[in-house]
Amino acid sequence: HALVRAEAVRRWTNSPQEGIPHLLRLLDDPSPVGRFAVQDALLRMGGTVAEPLARYLEDPKSVGLEAALEVATRLAHPSHHAVAQALTRS
């Protein structure tokens, strides 16, 4: 249920190192509420999420790339430059 996932997102936000992998896996949440909660949590984590997000964007098996790109755009971290260039050619 979307509300249960949103609560899990809130809890994972409190422990970024443990929570980031879980949050990245939820970027393809079919519920707009769930996706928004994940994106918001990742953005509030700031630079802590930059490197894991870059690796997520580089992985061809990743789902939820559009939501991940929205987060990366808002973070505007230098580690996203190379993957952003690659994805523009996709």
C-alpha atoms as a PDB file:
ATOM      1  CA  HIS A   1       0.000   0.000   0.000  1.00  0.00           C
ATOM      2  CA  ALA A   2       1.294   3.440  -0.926  1.00  0.00           C
ATOM      3  CA  LEU A   3       0.888   4.862   2.577  1.00  0.00           C
ATOM      4  CA  VAL A   4       2.898   2.016   4.085  1.00  0.00           C
ATOM      5  CA  ARG A   5       5.676   2.615   1.574  1.00  0.00           C
ATOM      6  CA  ALA A   6       5.562   6.353   2.332  1.00  0.00           C
ATOM      7  CA  GLU A   7       6.036   5.608   6.042  1.00  0.00           C
ATOM      8  CA  ALA A   8       8.964   3.320   5.252  1.00  0.00           C
ATOM      9  CA  VAL A   9      10.488   6.122   3.204  1.00  0.00           C
ATOM     10  CA  ARG A  10      10.161   8.479   6.164  1.00  0.00           C
ATOM     11  CA  ARG A  11      11.985   6.009   8.404  1.00  0.00           C
ATOM     12  CA  TRP A  12      14.773   5.324   5.894  1.00  0.00           C
ATOM     13  CA  THR A  13      15.375   9.057   5.611  1.00  0.00           C
ATOM     14  CA  ASN A  14      16.548   9.039   9.222  1.00  0.00           C
ATOM     15  CA  SER A  15      19.404   6.646   8.409  1.00  0.00           C
ATOM     16  CA  PRO A  16      20.681   7.630   4.941  1.00  0.00           C
ATOM     17  CA  GLN A  17      23.502   5.101   4.563  1.00  0.00           C
ATOM     18  CA  GLU A  18      21.132   2.243   5.238  1.00  0.00           C
ATOM     19  CA  GLY A  19      18.116   3.800   3.547  1.00  0.00           C
ATOM     20  CA  ILE A  20      19.479   5.014   0.211  1.00  0.00           C
ATOM     21  CA  PRO A  21      19.540   1.576  -1.516  1.00  0.00           C
ATOM     22  CA  HIS A  22      15.939   0.952  -0.418  1.00  0.00           C
ATOM     23  CA  LEU A  23      14.827   4.374  -1.581  1.00  0.00           C
ATOM     24  CA  LEU A  24      16.440   3.975  -4.990  1.00  0.00           C
ATOM     25  CA  ARG A  25      14.587   0.703  -5.493  1.00  0.00           C
ATOM     26  CA  LEU A  26      11.296   2.524  -4.817  1.00  0.00           C
ATOM     27  CA  LEU A  27      11.786   5.133  -7.536  1.00  0.00           C
ATOM     28  CA  ASP A  28       9.538   3.097  -9.823  1.00  0.00           C
ATOM     29  CA  ASP A  29       6.649   3.157  -7.328  1.00  0.00           C
ATOM     30  CA  PRO A  30       3.416   3.070  -9.361  1.00  0.00           C
ATOM     31  CA  SER A  31       1.762   5.462  -6.924  1.00  0.00           C
ATOM     32  CA  PRO A  32       2.447   9.178  -7.443  1.00  0.00           C
ATOM     33  CA  VAL A  33       2.342   9.613  -3.649  1.00  0.00           C
ATOM     34  CA  GLY A  34       4.987   6.935  -3.190  1.00  0.00           C
ATOM     35  CA  ARG A  35       7.260   8.326  -5.914  1.00  0.00           C
ATOM     36  CA  PHE A  36       6.954  11.837  -4.517  1.00  0.00           C
ATOM     37  CA  ALA A  37       7.818  10.616  -1.016  1.00  0.00           C
ATOM     38  CA  VAL A  38      10.923   8.822  -2.320  1.00  0.00           C
ATOM     39  CA  GLN A  39      12.078  11.767  -4.405  1.00  0.00           C
ATOM     40  CA  ASP A  40      11.496  14.178  -1.538  1.00  0.00           C
ATOM     41  CA  ALA A  41      13.449  11.964   0.858  1.00  0.00           C
ATOM     42  CA  LEU A  42      16.373  11.671  -1.543  1.00  0.00           C
ATOM     43  CA  LEU A  43      16.434  15.421  -2.095  1.00  0.00           C
ATOM     44  CA  ARG A  44      16.421  16.102   1.650  1.00  0.00           C
ATOM     45  CA  MET A  45      19.459  13.838   1.997  1.00  0.00           C
ATOM     46  CA  GLY A  46      21.325  16.165  -0.364  1.00  0.00           C
ATOM     47  CA  GLY A  47      24.905  15.350  -1.314  1.00  0.00           C
ATOM     48  CA  THR A  48      24.829  12.062   0.612  1.00  0.00           C
ATOM     49  CA  VAL A  49      22.751  10.528  -2.154  1.00  0.00           C
ATOM     50  CA  ALA A  50      24.757  11.942  -5.102  1.00  0.00           C
ATOM     51  CA  GLU A  51      27.199   9.058  -5.656  1.00  0.00           C
ATOM     52  CA  PRO A  52      24.673   6.222  -5.095  1.00  0.00           C
ATOM     53  CA  LEU A  53      22.242   8.013  -7.403  1.00  0.00           C
ATOM     54  CA  ALA A  54      24.913   8.331 -10.099  1.00  0.00           C
ATOM     55  CA  ARG A  55      25.597   4.583  -9.881  1.00  0.00           C
ATOM     56  CA  TYR A  56      21.855   3.909 -10.043  1.00  0.00           C
ATOM     57  CA  LEU A  57      21.546   6.024 -13.187  1.00  0.00           C
ATOM     58  CA  GLU A  58      24.479   4.212 -14.808  1.00  0.00           C
ATOM     59  CA  ASP A  59      23.006   0.748 -14.183  1.00  0.00           C
ATOM     60  CA  PRO A  60      21.057  -0.457 -17.248  1.00  0.00           C
ATOM     61  CA  LYS A  61      18.909  -2.656 -14.991  1.00  0.00           C
ATOM     62  CA  SER A  62      17.619   0.313 -13.003  1.00  0.00           C
ATOM     63  CA  VAL A  63      13.939   1.093 -13.212  1.00  0.00           C
ATOM     64  CA  GLY A  64      12.414   4.433 -12.369  1.00  0.00           C
ATOM     65  CA  LEU A  65      15.019   6.329 -14.379  1.00  0.00           C
ATOM     66  CA  GLU A  66      12.700   9.255 -15.051  1.00  0.00           C
ATOM     67  CA  ALA A  67      12.095   9.777 -11.327  1.00  0.00           C
ATOM     68  CA  ALA A  68      15.819   9.342 -10.652  1.00  0.00           C
ATOM     69  CA  LEU A  69      16.685  11.929 -13.294  1.00  0.00           C
ATOM     70  CA  GLU A  70      14.275  14.394 -11.692  1.00  0.00           C
ATOM     71  CA  VAL A  71      16.140  13.981  -8.405  1.00  0.00           C
ATOM     72  CA  ALA A  72      19.532  14.256 -10.094  1.00  0.00           C
ATOM     73  CA  THR A  73      18.458  17.439 -11.875  1.00  0.00           C
ATOM     74  CA  ARG A  74      17.436  19.054  -8.606  1.00  0.00           C
ATOM     75  CA  LEU A  75      20.618  17.969  -6.828  1.00  0.00           C
ATOM     76  CA  ALA A  76      22.822  19.268  -9.671  1.00  0.00           C
ATOM     77  CA  HIS A  77      25.849  17.356  -8.389  1.00  0.00           C
ATOM     78  CA  PRO A  78      29.017  17.108 -10.537  1.00  0.00           C
ATOM     79  CA  SER A  79      29.003  13.304 -10.265  1.00  0.00           C
ATOM     80  CA  HIS A  80      25.869  13.250 -12.445  1.00  0.00           C
ATOM     81  CA  HIS A  81      27.453  15.044 -15.395  1.00  0.00           C
ATOM     82  CA  ALA A  82      28.835  12.013 -17.239  1.00  0.00           C
ATOM     83  CA  VAL A  83      25.736   9.879 -16.813  1.00  0.00           C
ATOM     84  CA  ALA A  84      23.505  12.793 -17.860  1.00  0.00           C
ATOM     85  CA  GLN A  85      25.469  13.122 -21.091  1.00  0.00           C
ATOM     86  CA  ALA A  86      25.192   9.393 -21.740  1.00  0.00           C
ATOM     87  CA  LEU A  87      21.457   9.371 -21.096  1.00  0.00           C
ATOM     88  CA  THR A  88      20.852  12.305 -23.451  1.00  0.00           C
ATOM     89  CA  ARG A  89      22.166  10.071 -26.232  1.00  0.00           C
ATOM     90  CA  SER A  90      19.817   7.249 -25.268  1.00  0.00           C
END
